[in-house]
């Protein structure tokens, strides 16, 4: 799991940087993140109802929050411990 994709998605979402989100959508290996970004960008650009834009944004942010709450793999813990040593 490359957490920098989620950090970038969070930052770009809060700053409504749709171009940067679109680039991230194409580069990320997480298909779910890519789909959630696509839905938010589409709603942000095309929708006239604010509630649909808010719903797409909340869905994206909920997924990012879910990823942050996941427990890291043992290999990631080992890599972090090596970095700290």
Protein backbone atom coordinates (compact mmCIF):
# COMPACT_ATOMS: atom_id res chain seq x y z
CA UNK A 1 0.00 0.00 0.00
CA UNK A 2 1.48 3.31 -1.09
CA UNK A 3 0.12 5.76 1.46
CA UNK A 4 1.36 8.79 -0.51
CA UNK A 5 -1.45 8.29 -3.05
CA UNK A 6 -3.98 8.67 -0.25
CA UNK A 7 -2.17 11.69 1.21
CA UNK A 8 -2.22 13.34 -2.20
CA UNK A 9 -5.88 12.47 -2.75
CA UNK A 10 -6.79 13.96 0.61
CA UNK A 11 -4.83 17.16 -0.07
CA UNK A 12 -6.15 17.59 -3.62
CA UNK A 13 -9.73 16.91 -2.53
CA UNK A 14 -9.62 19.54 0.19
CA UNK A 15 -8.18 22.03 -2.29
CA UNK A 16 -10.59 21.03 -5.10
CA UNK A 17 -7.62 20.44 -7.41
CA UNK A 18 -9.47 18.42 -10.03
CA UNK A 19 -6.60 18.37 -12.53
CA UNK A 20 -4.19 16.96 -9.95
CA UNK A 21 -6.84 14.48 -8.83
CA UNK A 22 -7.31 13.35 -12.43
CA UNK A 23 -3.57 12.76 -12.82
CA UNK A 24 -3.51 10.82 -9.54
CA UNK A 25 -6.54 8.82 -10.71
CA UNK A 26 -4.56 7.60 -13.72
CA UNK A 27 -1.33 6.89 -11.81
CA UNK A 28 -2.61 5.09 -8.72
CA UNK A 29 -2.66 1.30 -8.55
CA UNK A 30 -5.70 1.29 -6.24
CA UNK A 31 -8.73 0.72 -8.47
CA UNK A 32 -11.21 1.75 -5.78
CA UNK A 33 -9.39 5.02 -5.12
CA UNK A 34 -9.28 5.67 -8.85
CA UNK A 35 -13.03 5.08 -9.19
CA UNK A 36 -13.87 7.30 -6.21
CA UNK A 37 -11.70 10.10 -7.59
CA UNK A 38 -13.38 9.74 -10.98
CA UNK A 39 -16.83 10.02 -9.42
CA UNK A 40 -15.86 13.11 -7.40
CA UNK A 41 -14.21 14.91 -10.32
CA UNK A 42 -17.16 14.14 -12.59
CA UNK A 43 -19.63 15.41 -9.99
CA UNK A 44 -17.53 18.50 -9.24
CA UNK A 45 -17.32 19.49 -12.90
CA UNK A 46 -20.72 18.35 -14.25
CA UNK A 47 -23.29 18.28 -11.46
CA UNK A 48 -25.51 21.26 -10.78
CA UNK A 49 -26.81 19.92 -7.48
CA UNK A 50 -24.48 20.60 -4.58
CA UNK A 51 -25.72 17.56 -2.65
CA UNK A 52 -24.47 15.18 -5.36
CA UNK A 53 -21.03 16.83 -5.31
CA UNK A 54 -20.96 16.66 -1.52
CA UNK A 55 -21.99 12.99 -1.60
CA UNK A 56 -19.21 12.12 -4.08
CA UNK A 57 -16.67 14.04 -1.97
CA UNK A 58 -17.81 12.34 1.22
CA UNK A 59 -17.57 8.92 -0.43
CA UNK A 60 -13.99 9.65 -1.50
CA UNK A 61 -13.03 10.95 1.94
CA UNK A 62 -14.68 7.97 3.65
CA UNK A 63 -12.61 5.58 1.55
CA UNK A 64 -9.39 7.48 2.35
CA UNK A 65 -10.31 7.35 6.05
CA UNK A 66 -10.94 3.61 5.76
CA UNK A 67 -7.49 3.07 4.23
CA UNK A 68 -5.81 5.07 7.00
CA UNK A 69 -7.53 2.89 9.62
CA UNK A 70 -6.38 -0.38 8.08
CA UNK A 71 -3.64 -2.19 9.94
CA UNK A 72 -0.29 -2.17 8.14
CA UNK A 73 1.28 -5.39 6.85
CA UNK A 74 4.15 -6.97 8.78
CA UNK A 75 6.52 -6.11 5.90
CA UNK A 76 5.57 -2.44 6.23
CA UNK A 77 6.18 -2.53 9.98
CA UNK A 78 9.58 -4.10 9.39
CA UNK A 79 10.44 -1.43 6.80
CA UNK A 80 9.41 1.34 9.21
CA UNK A 81 11.49 -0.23 12.00
CA UNK A 82 14.53 -0.43 9.70
CA UNK A 83 14.12 3.22 8.83
CA UNK A 84 13.96 4.19 12.50
CA UNK A 85 17.05 2.13 13.45
